[in-house]
Amino acid sequence: MPVEQREYVRQVLDAYRSTPGTASVVRRADRLFAAQLYEGGVPLNVVENALILAAARRSARPADAPPLGIIRSLAYFAPVIEEVSQLKAGQEYFQYLRNKLHRTTPTR
């Protein structure tokens, strides 16, 4: 059953807010970008998986690497959303990343 735009945008923004490394603040530009994703037909699970993949990549840095800045825009994830939409990985891979990220990320 297709999700209405308002619900899609809400779910994308909730996922963005809860992604480690983000500012946890939603701005107008983020809402507009989420609406563009909806209008572009990007499946919700692709967006959610892209957020997880990007967060997992950021967390896999060497311990002595300088800290990364806070992600302040949903649009930061645009290239990863495109990448995930082309991947042939199954949901099991993204669930693995979610579990791994959950174990290694301190609670906000």
PDB file of N, CA and C in Angstrom:
ATOM      1  N   MET A   1       0.836  -1.183   0.000  1.00  0.00           N
ATOM      2  CA  MET A   1       0.000   0.000   0.000  1.00  0.00           C
ATOM      3  C   MET A   1       0.881   1.248   0.000  1.00  0.00           C
ATOM      4  N   PRO A   2       0.721   2.119  -0.964  1.00  0.00           N
ATOM      5  CA  PRO A   2       1.562   3.318  -1.043  1.00  0.00           C
ATOM      6  C   PRO A   2       1.331   4.262   0.145  1.00  0.00           C
ATOM      7  N   VAL A   3       2.389   4.914   0.548  1.00  0.00           N
ATOM      8  CA  VAL A   3       2.334   5.874   1.635  1.00  0.00           C
ATOM      9  C   VAL A   3       2.050   7.250   1.033  1.00  0.00           C
ATOM     10  N   GLU A   4       1.212   8.031   1.708  1.00  0.00           N
ATOM     11  CA  GLU A   4       0.939   9.391   1.249  1.00  0.00           C
ATOM     12  C   GLU A   4       2.176  10.255   1.475  1.00  0.00           C
ATOM     13  N   GLN A   5       2.274  11.337   0.714  1.00  0.00           N
ATOM     14  CA  GLN A   5       3.460  12.200   0.777  1.00  0.00           C
ATOM     15  C   GLN A   5       3.731  12.698   2.194  1.00  0.00           C
ATOM     16  N   ARG A   6       2.719  13.150   2.886  1.00  0.00           N
ATOM     17  CA  ARG A   6       2.917  13.698   4.230  1.00  0.00           C
ATOM     18  C   ARG A   6       3.547  12.652   5.161  1.00  0.00           C
ATOM     19  N   GLU A   7       3.042  11.412   5.094  1.00  0.00           N
ATOM     20  CA  GLU A   7       3.562  10.337   5.935  1.00  0.00           C
ATOM     21  C   GLU A   7       4.977   9.955   5.512  1.00  0.00           C
ATOM     22  N   TYR A   8       5.228   9.904   4.220  1.00  0.00           N
ATOM     23  CA  TYR A   8       6.560   9.602   3.691  1.00  0.00           C
ATOM     24  C   TYR A   8       7.570  10.625   4.212  1.00  0.00           C
ATOM     25  N   VAL A   9       7.236  11.906   4.068  1.00  0.00           N
ATOM     26  CA  VAL A   9       8.135  12.977   4.512  1.00  0.00           C
ATOM     27  C   VAL A   9       8.379  12.855   6.019  1.00  0.00           C
ATOM     28  N   ARG A  10       7.333  12.600   6.788  1.00  0.00           N
ATOM     29  CA  ARG A  10       7.486  12.451   8.231  1.00  0.00           C
ATOM     30  C   ARG A  10       8.439  11.305   8.565  1.00  0.00           C
ATOM     31  N   GLN A  11       8.268  10.175   7.890  1.00  0.00           N
ATOM     32  CA  GLN A  11       9.119   9.012   8.169  1.00  0.00           C
ATOM     33  C   GLN A  11      10.567   9.266   7.764  1.00  0.00           C
ATOM     34  N   VAL A  12      10.773   9.919   6.632  1.00  0.00           N
ATOM     35  CA  VAL A  12      12.138  10.254   6.202  1.00  0.00           C
ATOM     36  C   VAL A  12      12.791  11.182   7.220  1.00  0.00           C
ATOM     37  N   LEU A  13      12.070  12.209   7.647  1.00  0.00           N
ATOM     38  CA  LEU A  13      12.637  13.166   8.594  1.00  0.00           C
ATOM     39  C   LEU A  13      12.877  12.535   9.964  1.00  0.00           C
ATOM     40  N   ASP A  14      12.014  11.632  10.388  1.00  0.00           N
ATOM     41  CA  ASP A  14      12.247  10.908  11.640  1.00  0.00           C
ATOM     42  C   ASP A  14      13.512  10.058  11.545  1.00  0.00           C
ATOM     43  N   ALA A  15      13.671   9.379  10.419  1.00  0.00           N
ATOM     44  CA  ALA A  15      14.871   8.556  10.215  1.00  0.00           C
ATOM     45  C   ALA A  15      16.126   9.429  10.194  1.00  0.00           C
ATOM     46  N   TYR A  16      16.033  10.573   9.534  1.00  0.00           N
ATOM     47  CA  TYR A  16      17.163  11.512   9.467  1.00  0.00           C
ATOM     48  C   TYR A  16      17.531  12.000  10.872  1.00  0.00           C
ATOM     49  N   ARG A  17      16.537  12.426  11.637  1.00  0.00           N
ATOM     50  CA  ARG A  17      16.774  12.921  12.994  1.00  0.00           C
ATOM     51  C   ARG A  17      17.453  11.882  13.879  1.00  0.00           C
ATOM     52  N   SER A  18      17.108  10.630  13.682  1.00  0.00           N
ATOM     53  CA  SER A  18      17.653   9.583  14.550  1.00  0.00           C
ATOM     54  C   SER A  18      18.962   8.981  14.035  1.00  0.00           C
ATOM     55  N   THR A  19      19.438   9.456  12.900  1.00  0.00           N
ATOM     56  CA  THR A  19      20.685   8.938  12.334  1.00  0.00           C
ATOM     57  C   THR A  19      21.884   9.510  13.096  1.00  0.00           C
ATOM     58  N   PRO A  20      22.775   8.648  13.579  1.00  0.00           N
ATOM     59  CA  PRO A  20      23.970   9.138  14.277  1.00  0.00           C
ATOM     60  C   PRO A  20      24.775  10.084  13.381  1.00  0.00           C
ATOM     61  N   GLY A  21      25.252  11.160  13.985  1.00  0.00           N
ATOM     62  CA  GLY A  21      26.076  12.118  13.256  1.00  0.00           C
ATOM     63  C   GLY A  21      25.303  13.289  12.688  1.00  0.00           C
ATOM     64  N   THR A  22      23.971  13.266  12.810  1.00  0.00           N
ATOM     65  CA  THR A  22      23.172  14.387  12.318  1.00  0.00           C
ATOM     66  C   THR A  22      22.890  15.365  13.454  1.00  0.00           C
ATOM     67  N   ALA A  23      22.503  16.566  13.084  1.00  0.00           N
ATOM     68  CA  ALA A  23      22.220  17.612  14.068  1.00  0.00           C
ATOM     69  C   ALA A  23      20.896  17.384  14.782  1.00  0.00           C
ATOM     70  N   SER A  24      20.105  16.432  14.334  1.00  0.00           N
ATOM     71  CA  SER A  24      18.797  16.124  14.929  1.00  0.00           C
ATOM     72  C   SER A  24      17.804  17.277  14.795  1.00  0.00           C
ATOM     73  N   VAL A  25      18.088  18.186  13.893  1.00  0.00           N
ATOM     74  CA  VAL A  25      17.218  19.330  13.648  1.00  0.00           C
ATOM     75  C   VAL A  25      16.775  19.267  12.195  1.00  0.00           C
ATOM     76  N   VAL A  26      15.485  19.490  11.965  1.00  0.00           N
ATOM     77  CA  VAL A  26      14.956  19.473  10.608  1.00  0.00           C
ATOM     78  C   VAL A  26      14.670  20.909  10.176  1.00  0.00           C
ATOM     79  N   ARG A  27      15.170  21.244   9.019  1.00  0.00           N
ATOM     80  CA  ARG A  27      14.927  22.576   8.472  1.00  0.00           C
ATOM     81  C   ARG A  27      14.014  22.477   7.257  1.00  0.00           C
ATOM     82  N   ARG A  28      13.578  23.620   6.791  1.00  0.00           N
ATOM     83  CA  ARG A  28      12.678  23.680   5.639  1.00  0.00           C
ATOM     84  C   ARG A  28      13.291  22.972   4.426  1.00  0.00           C
ATOM     85  N   ALA A  29      14.583  23.189   4.203  1.00  0.00           N
ATOM     86  CA  ALA A  29      15.260  22.554   3.065  1.00  0.00           C
ATOM     87  C   ALA A  29      15.204  21.028   3.171  1.00  0.00           C
ATOM     88  N   ASP A  30      15.248  20.504   4.383  1.00  0.00           N
ATOM     89  CA  ASP A  30      15.164  19.057   4.583  1.00  0.00           C
ATOM     90  C   ASP A  30      13.772  18.546   4.206  1.00  0.00           C
ATOM     91  N   ARG A  31      12.752  19.289   4.604  1.00  0.00           N
ATOM     92  CA  ARG A  31      11.377  18.918   4.238  1.00  0.00           C
ATOM     93  C   ARG A  31      11.194  18.935   2.727  1.00  0.00           C
ATOM     94  N   LEU A  32      11.734  19.952   2.092  1.00  0.00           N
ATOM     95  CA  LEU A  32      11.624  20.058   0.635  1.00  0.00           C
ATOM     96  C   LEU A  32      12.358  18.910  -0.053  1.00  0.00           C
ATOM     97  N   PHE A  33      13.529  18.564   0.454  1.00  0.00           N
ATOM     98  CA  PHE A  33      14.294  17.466  -0.139  1.00  0.00           C
ATOM     99  C   PHE A  33      13.550  16.145   0.032  1.00  0.00           C
ATOM    100  N   ALA A  34      12.957  15.925   1.213  1.00  0.00           N
ATOM    101  CA  ALA A  34      12.182  14.705   1.446  1.00  0.00           C
ATOM    102  C   ALA A  34      10.990  14.641   0.489  1.00  0.00           C
ATOM    103  N   ALA A  35      10.353  15.778   0.255  1.00  0.00           N
ATOM    104  CA  ALA A  35       9.228  15.819  -0.693  1.00  0.00           C
ATOM    105  C   ALA A  35       9.702  15.511  -2.109  1.00  0.00           C
ATOM    106  N   GLN A  36      10.881  15.985  -2.462  1.00  0.00           N
ATOM    107  CA  GLN A  36      11.445  15.688  -3.789  1.00  0.00           C
ATOM    108  C   GLN A  36      11.718  14.191  -3.925  1.00  0.00           C
ATOM    109  N   LEU A  37      12.189  13.573  -2.864  1.00  0.00           N
ATOM    110  CA  LEU A  37      12.430  12.129  -2.901  1.00  0.00           C
ATOM    111  C   LEU A  37      11.119  11.391  -3.143  1.00  0.00           C
ATOM    112  N   TYR A  38      10.068  11.832  -2.465  1.00  0.00           N
ATOM    113  CA  TYR A  38       8.750  11.225  -2.655  1.00  0.00           C
ATOM    114  C   TYR A  38       8.300  11.386  -4.103  1.00  0.00           C
ATOM    115  N   GLU A  39       8.388  12.604  -4.604  1.00  0.00           N
ATOM    116  CA  GLU A  39       7.960  12.887  -5.980  1.00  0.00           C
ATOM    117  C   GLU A  39       8.805  12.129  -7.000  1.00  0.00           C
ATOM    118  N   GLY A  40      10.062  11.850  -6.646  1.00  0.00           N
ATOM    119  CA  GLY A  40      10.938  11.088  -7.523  1.00  0.00           C
ATOM    120  C   GLY A  40      10.720   9.588  -7.442  1.00  0.00           C
ATOM    121  N   GLY A  41       9.821   9.174  -6.556  1.00  0.00           N
ATOM    122  CA  GLY A  41       9.516   7.752  -6.445  1.00  0.00           C
ATOM    123  C   GLY A  41      10.560   6.938  -5.712  1.00  0.00           C
ATOM    124  N   VAL A  42      11.387   7.588  -4.897  1.00  0.00           N
ATOM    125  CA  VAL A  42      12.412   6.863  -4.146  1.00  0.00           C
ATOM    126  C   VAL A  42      11.730   6.112  -3.002  1.00  0.00           C
ATOM    127  N   PRO A  43      11.857   4.799  -2.972  1.00  0.00           N
ATOM    128  CA  PRO A  43      11.224   4.029  -1.895  1.00  0.00           C
ATOM    129  C   PRO A  43      11.764   4.425  -0.520  1.00  0.00           C
ATOM    130  N   LEU A  44      10.888   4.425   0.451  1.00  0.00           N
ATOM    131  CA  LEU A  44      11.253   4.808   1.815  1.00  0.00           C
ATOM    132  C   LEU A  44      12.393   3.952   2.345  1.00  0.00           C
ATOM    133  N   ASN A  45      12.357   2.650   2.080  1.00  0.00           N
ATOM    134  CA  ASN A  45      13.423   1.786   2.603  1.00  0.00           C
ATOM    135  C   ASN A  45      14.778   2.113   1.980  1.00  0.00           C
ATOM    136  N   VAL A  46      14.798   2.627   0.757  1.00  0.00           N
ATOM    137  CA  VAL A  46      16.063   3.041   0.138  1.00  0.00           C
ATOM    138  C   VAL A  46      16.651   4.227   0.900  1.00  0.00           C
ATOM    139  N   VAL A  47      15.816   5.186   1.243  1.00  0.00           N
ATOM    140  CA  VAL A  47      16.287   6.352   1.999  1.00  0.00           C
ATOM    141  C   VAL A  47      16.794   5.915   3.369  1.00  0.00           C
ATOM    142  N   GLU A  48      16.013   5.103   4.067  1.00  0.00           N
ATOM    143  CA  GLU A  48      16.413   4.641   5.392  1.00  0.00           C
ATOM    144  C   GLU A  48      17.715   3.843   5.330  1.00  0.00           C
ATOM    145  N   ASN A  49      17.848   2.988   4.334  1.00  0.00           N
ATOM    146  CA  ASN A  49      19.067   2.198   4.183  1.00  0.00           C
ATOM    147  C   ASN A  49      20.269   3.080   3.858  1.00  0.00           C
ATOM    148  N   ALA A  50      20.062   4.117   3.078  1.00  0.00           N
ATOM    149  CA  ALA A  50      21.150   5.044   2.744  1.00  0.00           C
ATOM    150  C   ALA A  50      21.628   5.787   3.988  1.00  0.00           C
ATOM    151  N   LEU A  51      20.705   6.197   4.841  1.00  0.00           N
ATOM    152  CA  LEU A  51      21.093   6.876   6.080  1.00  0.00           C
ATOM    153  C   LEU A  51      21.943   5.954   6.944  1.00  0.00           C
ATOM    154  N   ILE A  52      21.530   4.703   7.042  1.00  0.00           N
ATOM    155  CA  ILE A  52      22.273   3.723   7.843  1.00  0.00           C
ATOM    156  C   ILE A  52      23.649   3.457   7.238  1.00  0.00           C
ATOM    157  N   LEU A  53      23.707   3.284   5.926  1.00  0.00           N
ATOM    158  CA  LEU A  53      24.985   3.018   5.264  1.00  0.00           C
ATOM    159  C   LEU A  53      25.959   4.174   5.469  1.00  0.00           C
ATOM    160  N   ALA A  54      25.489   5.389   5.287  1.00  0.00           N
ATOM    161  CA  ALA A  54      26.364   6.558   5.465  1.00  0.00           C
ATOM    162  C   ALA A  54      26.836   6.674   6.913  1.00  0.00           C
ATOM    163  N   ALA A  55      25.942   6.461   7.857  1.00  0.00           N
ATOM    164  CA  ALA A  55      26.329   6.529   9.272  1.00  0.00           C
ATOM    165  C   ALA A  55      27.337   5.435   9.618  1.00  0.00           C
ATOM    166  N   ALA A  56      27.136   4.238   9.071  1.00  0.00           N
ATOM    167  CA  ALA A  56      28.070   3.138   9.329  1.00  0.00           C
ATOM    168  C   ALA A  56      29.451   3.454   8.742  1.00  0.00           C
ATOM    169  N   ARG A  57      29.464   4.027   7.575  1.00  0.00           N
ATOM    170  CA  ARG A  57      30.752   4.399   6.965  1.00  0.00           C
ATOM    171  C   ARG A  57      31.468   5.449   7.805  1.00  0.00           C
ATOM    172  N   ARG A  58      30.710   6.425   8.285  1.00  0.00           N
ATOM    173  CA  ARG A  58      31.323   7.476   9.101  1.00  0.00           C
ATOM    174  C   ARG A  58      31.864   6.913  10.415  1.00  0.00           C
ATOM    175  N   SER A  59      31.198   5.912  10.962  1.00  0.00           N
ATOM    176  CA  SER A  59      31.632   5.351  12.241  1.00  0.00           C
ATOM    177  C   SER A  59      32.829   4.413  12.091  1.00  0.00           C
ATOM    178  N   ALA A  60      33.114   3.981  10.883  1.00  0.00           N
ATOM    179  CA  ALA A  60      34.195   3.018  10.645  1.00  0.00           C
ATOM    180  C   ALA A  60      35.539   3.696  10.412  1.00  0.00           C
ATOM    181  N   ARG A  61      35.684   4.906  10.874  1.00  0.00           N
ATOM    182  CA  ARG A  61      36.950   5.627  10.697  1.00  0.00           C
ATOM    183  C   ARG A  61      37.977   5.189  11.745  1.00  0.00           C
ATOM    184  N   PRO A  62      39.244   5.336  11.432  1.00  0.00           N
ATOM    185  CA  PRO A  62      40.278   5.008  12.426  1.00  0.00           C
ATOM    186  C   PRO A  62      40.107   5.868  13.686  1.00  0.00           C
ATOM    187  N   ALA A  63      40.452   5.306  14.821  1.00  0.00           N
ATOM    188  CA  ALA A  63      40.285   5.993  16.103  1.00  0.00           C
ATOM    189  C   ALA A  63      41.090   7.293  16.169  1.00  0.00           C
ATOM    190  N   ASP A  64      42.222   7.339  15.468  1.00  0.00           N
ATOM    191  CA  ASP A  64      43.069   8.532  15.530  1.00  0.00           C
ATOM    192  C   ASP A  64      42.728   9.567  14.447  1.00  0.00           C
ATOM    193  N   ALA A  65      41.709   9.317  13.666  1.00  0.00           N
ATOM    194  CA  ALA A  65      41.291  10.276  12.625  1.00  0.00           C
ATOM    195  C   ALA A  65      40.608  11.471  13.278  1.00  0.00           C
ATOM    196  N   PRO A  66      40.775  12.647  12.691  1.00  0.00           N
ATOM    197  CA  PRO A  66      40.091  13.817  13.268  1.00  0.00           C
ATOM    198  C   PRO A  66      38.574  13.621  13.209  1.00  0.00           C
ATOM    199  N   PRO A  67      37.871  14.161  14.174  1.00  0.00           N
ATOM    200  CA  PRO A  67      36.419  13.974  14.198  1.00  0.00           C
ATOM    201  C   PRO A  67      35.742  14.634  12.995  1.00  0.00           C
ATOM    202  N   LEU A  68      34.674  14.008  12.542  1.00  0.00           N
ATOM    203  CA  LEU A  68      33.894  14.575  11.448  1.00  0.00           C
ATOM    204  C   LEU A  68      32.888  15.574  12.002  1.00  0.00           C
ATOM    205  N   GLY A  69      32.529  16.528  11.186  1.00  0.00           N
ATOM    206  CA  GLY A  69      31.533  17.511  11.598  1.00  0.00           C
ATOM    207  C   GLY A  69      30.136  16.908  11.615  1.00  0.00           C
ATOM    208  N   ILE A  70      29.240  17.604  12.242  1.00  0.00           N
ATOM    209  CA  ILE A  70      27.840  17.208  12.318  1.00  0.00           C
ATOM    210  C   ILE A  70      27.195  17.382  10.938  1.00  0.00           C
ATOM    211  N   ILE A  71      26.365  16.440  10.548  1.00  0.00           N
ATOM    212  CA  ILE A  71      25.608  16.541   9.294  1.00  0.00           C
ATOM    213  C   ILE A  71      24.414  17.447   9.564  1.00  0.00           C
ATOM    214  N   ARG A  72      24.294  18.520   8.800  1.00  0.00           N
ATOM    215  CA  ARG A  72      23.253  19.504   9.054  1.00  0.00           C
ATOM    216  C   ARG A  72      22.195  19.569   7.953  1.00  0.00           C
ATOM    217  N   SER A  73      22.249  18.618   7.011  1.00  0.00           N
ATOM    218  CA  SER A  73      21.290  18.652   5.909  1.00  0.00           C
ATOM    219  C   SER A  73      20.992  17.241   5.411  1.00  0.00           C
ATOM    220  N   LEU A  74      19.731  16.980   5.193  1.00  0.00           N
ATOM    221  CA  LEU A  74      19.325  15.700   4.617  1.00  0.00           C
ATOM    222  C   LEU A  74      19.935  15.511   3.231  1.00  0.00           C
ATOM    223  N   ALA A  75      20.133  16.599   2.507  1.00  0.00           N
ATOM    224  CA  ALA A  75      20.704  16.532   1.154  1.00  0.00           C
ATOM    225  C   ALA A  75      22.126  15.954   1.157  1.00  0.00           C
ATOM    226  N   TYR A  76      22.812  15.988   2.292  1.00  0.00           N
ATOM    227  CA  TYR A  76      24.135  15.375   2.414  1.00  0.00           C
ATOM    228  C   TYR A  76      24.095  13.915   1.953  1.00  0.00           C
ATOM    229  N   PHE A  77      22.959  13.269   2.178  1.00  0.00           N
ATOM    230  CA  PHE A  77      22.820  11.846   1.886  1.00  0.00           C
ATOM    231  C   PHE A  77      22.428  11.554   0.440  1.00  0.00           C
ATOM    232  N   ALA A  78      22.231  12.573  -0.384  1.00  0.00           N
ATOM    233  CA  ALA A  78      21.769  12.373  -1.769  1.00  0.00           C
ATOM    234  C   ALA A  78      22.629  11.368  -2.548  1.00  0.00           C
ATOM    235  N   PRO A  79      23.963  11.487  -2.527  1.00  0.00           N
ATOM    236  CA  PRO A  79      24.763  10.513  -3.287  1.00  0.00           C
ATOM    237  C   PRO A  79      24.615   9.081  -2.772  1.00  0.00           C
ATOM    238  N   VAL A  80      24.456   8.919  -1.467  1.00  0.00           N
ATOM    239  CA  VAL A  80      24.317   7.577  -0.901  1.00  0.00           C
ATOM    240  C   VAL A  80      22.929   7.017  -1.214  1.00  0.00           C
ATOM    241  N   ILE A  81      21.921   7.877  -1.241  1.00  0.00           N
ATOM    242  CA  ILE A  81      20.580   7.439  -1.627  1.00  0.00           C
ATOM    243  C   ILE A  81      20.620   6.916  -3.059  1.00  0.00           C
ATOM    244  N   GLU A  82      21.297   7.634  -3.930  1.00  0.00           N
ATOM    245  CA  GLU A  82      21.439   7.189  -5.327  1.00  0.00           C
ATOM    246  C   GLU A  82      22.193   5.864  -5.387  1.00  0.00           C
ATOM    247  N   GLU A  83      23.260   5.751  -4.615  1.00  0.00           N
ATOM    248  CA  GLU A  83      24.050   4.516  -4.593  1.00  0.00           C
ATOM    249  C   GLU A  83      23.210   3.327  -4.121  1.00  0.00           C
ATOM    250  N   VAL A  84      22.473   3.514  -3.034  1.00  0.00           N
ATOM    251  CA  VAL A  84      21.664   2.425  -2.479  1.00  0.00           C
ATOM    252  C   VAL A  84      20.564   2.023  -3.455  1.00  0.00           C
ATOM    253  N   SER A  85      20.030   2.975  -4.183  1.00  0.00           N
ATOM    254  CA  SER A  85      18.973   2.637  -5.146  1.00  0.00           C
ATOM    255  C   SER A  85      19.495   1.731  -6.259  1.00  0.00           C
ATOM    256  N   GLN A  86      20.813   1.723  -6.475  1.00  0.00           N
ATOM    257  CA  GLN A  86      21.428   0.888  -7.508  1.00  0.00           C
ATOM    258  C   GLN A  86      21.999  -0.419  -6.958  1.00  0.00           C
ATOM    259  N   LEU A  87      22.117  -0.526  -5.637  1.00  0.00           N
ATOM    260  CA  LEU A  87      22.714  -1.714  -5.022  1.00  0.00           C
ATOM    261  C   LEU A  87      21.803  -2.926  -5.129  1.00  0.00           C
ATOM    262  N   LYS A  88      22.420  -4.063  -5.143  1.00  0.00           N
ATOM    263  CA  LYS A  88      21.689  -5.332  -5.165  1.00  0.00           C
ATOM    264  C   LYS A  88      21.738  -6.018  -3.802  1.00  0.00           C
ATOM    265  N   ALA A  89      22.132  -5.290  -2.764  1.00  0.00           N
ATOM    266  CA  ALA A  89      22.227  -5.869  -1.423  1.00  0.00           C
ATOM    267  C   ALA A  89      20.836  -6.113  -0.857  1.00  0.00           C
ATOM    268  N   GLY A  90      20.706  -7.190  -0.104  1.00  0.00           N
ATOM    269  CA  GLY A  90      19.425  -7.516   0.519  1.00  0.00           C
ATOM    270  C   GLY A  90      19.221  -6.760   1.817  1.00  0.00           C
ATOM    271  N   GLN A  91      18.001  -6.817   2.322  1.00  0.00           N
ATOM    272  CA  GLN A  91      17.666  -6.146   3.582  1.00  0.00           C
ATOM    273  C   GLN A  91      18.513  -6.668   4.734  1.00  0.00           C
ATOM    274  N   GLU A  92      18.970  -7.912   4.645  1.00  0.00           N
ATOM    275  CA  GLU A  92      19.777  -8.489   5.718  1.00  0.00           C
ATOM    276  C   GLU A  92      21.053  -7.685   5.937  1.00  0.00           C
ATOM    277  N   TYR A  93      21.653  -7.203   4.855  1.00  0.00           N
ATOM    278  CA  TYR A  93      22.875  -6.411   4.963  1.00  0.00           C
ATOM    279  C   TYR A  93      22.613  -5.125   5.739  1.00  0.00           C
ATOM    280  N   PHE A  94      21.527  -4.446   5.421  1.00  0.00           N
ATOM    281  CA  PHE A  94      21.219  -3.188   6.088  1.00  0.00           C
ATOM    282  C   PHE A  94      20.797  -3.424   7.540  1.00  0.00           C
ATOM    283  N   GLN A  95      20.165  -4.556   7.814  1.00  0.00           N
ATOM    284  CA  GLN A  95      19.832  -4.893   9.200  1.00  0.00           C
ATOM    285  C   GLN A  95      21.107  -5.159   9.982  1.00  0.00           C
ATOM    286  N   TYR A  96      22.064  -5.809   9.363  1.00  0.00           N
ATOM    287  CA  TYR A  96      23.373  -6.023   9.989  1.00  0.00           C
ATOM    288  C   TYR A  96      24.011  -4.683  10.342  1.00  0.00           C
ATOM    289  N   LEU A  97      23.996  -3.740   9.394  1.00  0.00           N
ATOM    290  CA  LEU A  97      24.577  -2.413   9.658  1.00  0.00           C
ATOM    291  C   LEU A  97      23.838  -1.701  10.788  1.00  0.00           C
ATOM    292  N   ARG A  98      22.509  -1.787  10.785  1.00  0.00           N
ATOM    293  CA  ARG A  98      21.720  -1.171  11.862  1.00  0.00           C
ATOM    294  C   ARG A  98      22.145  -1.731  13.222  1.00  0.00           C
ATOM    295  N   ASN A  99      22.235  -3.046  13.315  1.00  0.00           N
ATOM    296  CA  ASN A  99      22.623  -3.686  14.578  1.00  0.00           C
ATOM    297  C   ASN A  99      24.025  -3.276  14.999  1.00  0.00           C
ATOM    298  N   LYS A 100      24.933  -3.271  14.054  1.00  0.00           N
ATOM    299  CA  LYS A 100      26.312  -2.896  14.348  1.00  0.00           C
ATOM    300  C   LYS A 100      26.393  -1.441  14.804  1.00  0.00           C
ATOM    301  N   LEU A 101      25.690  -0.578  14.109  1.00  0.00           N
ATOM    302  CA  LEU A 101      25.685   0.842  14.453  1.00  0.00           C
ATOM    303  C   LEU A 101      25.048   1.066  15.823  1.00  0.00           C
ATOM    304  N   HIS A 102      23.992   0.344  16.088  1.00  0.00           N
ATOM    305  CA  HIS A 102      23.305   0.476  17.372  1.00  0.00           C
ATOM    306  C   HIS A 102      24.227   0.089  18.528  1.00  0.00           C
ATOM    307  N   ARG A 103      25.030  -0.940  18.321  1.00  0.00           N
ATOM    308  CA  ARG A 103      25.957  -1.408  19.374  1.00  0.00           C
ATOM    309  C   ARG A 103      27.112  -0.445  19.589  1.00  0.00           C
ATOM    310  N   THR A 104      27.508   0.295  18.540  1.00  0.00           N
ATOM    311  CA  THR A 104      28.708   1.129  18.656  1.00  0.00           C
ATOM    312  C   THR A 104      28.418   2.607  18.844  1.00  0.00           C
ATOM    313  N   THR A 105      27.169   3.020  18.745  1.00  0.00           N
ATOM    314  CA  THR A 105      26.839   4.438  18.845  1.00  0.00           C
ATOM    315  C   THR A 105      26.275   4.742  20.221  1.00  0.00           C
ATOM    316  N   PRO A 106      26.884   5.738  20.897  1.00  0.00           N
ATOM    317  CA  PRO A 106      26.322   6.124  22.200  1.00  0.00           C
ATOM    318  C   PRO A 106      24.949   6.777  22.003  1.00  0.00           C
ATOM    319  N   THR A 107      24.098   6.628  22.996  1.00  0.00           N
ATOM    320  CA  THR A 107      22.760   7.233  22.952  1.00  0.00           C
ATOM    321  C   THR A 107      22.887   8.744  23.106  1.00  0.00           C
ATOM    322  N   ARG A 108      22.052   9.472  22.357  1.00  0.00           N
ATOM    323  CA  ARG A 108      22.096  10.939  22.448  1.00  0.00           C
ATOM    324  C   ARG A 108      21.452  11.407  23.718  1.00  0.00           C
TER     325      ARG A 108
END
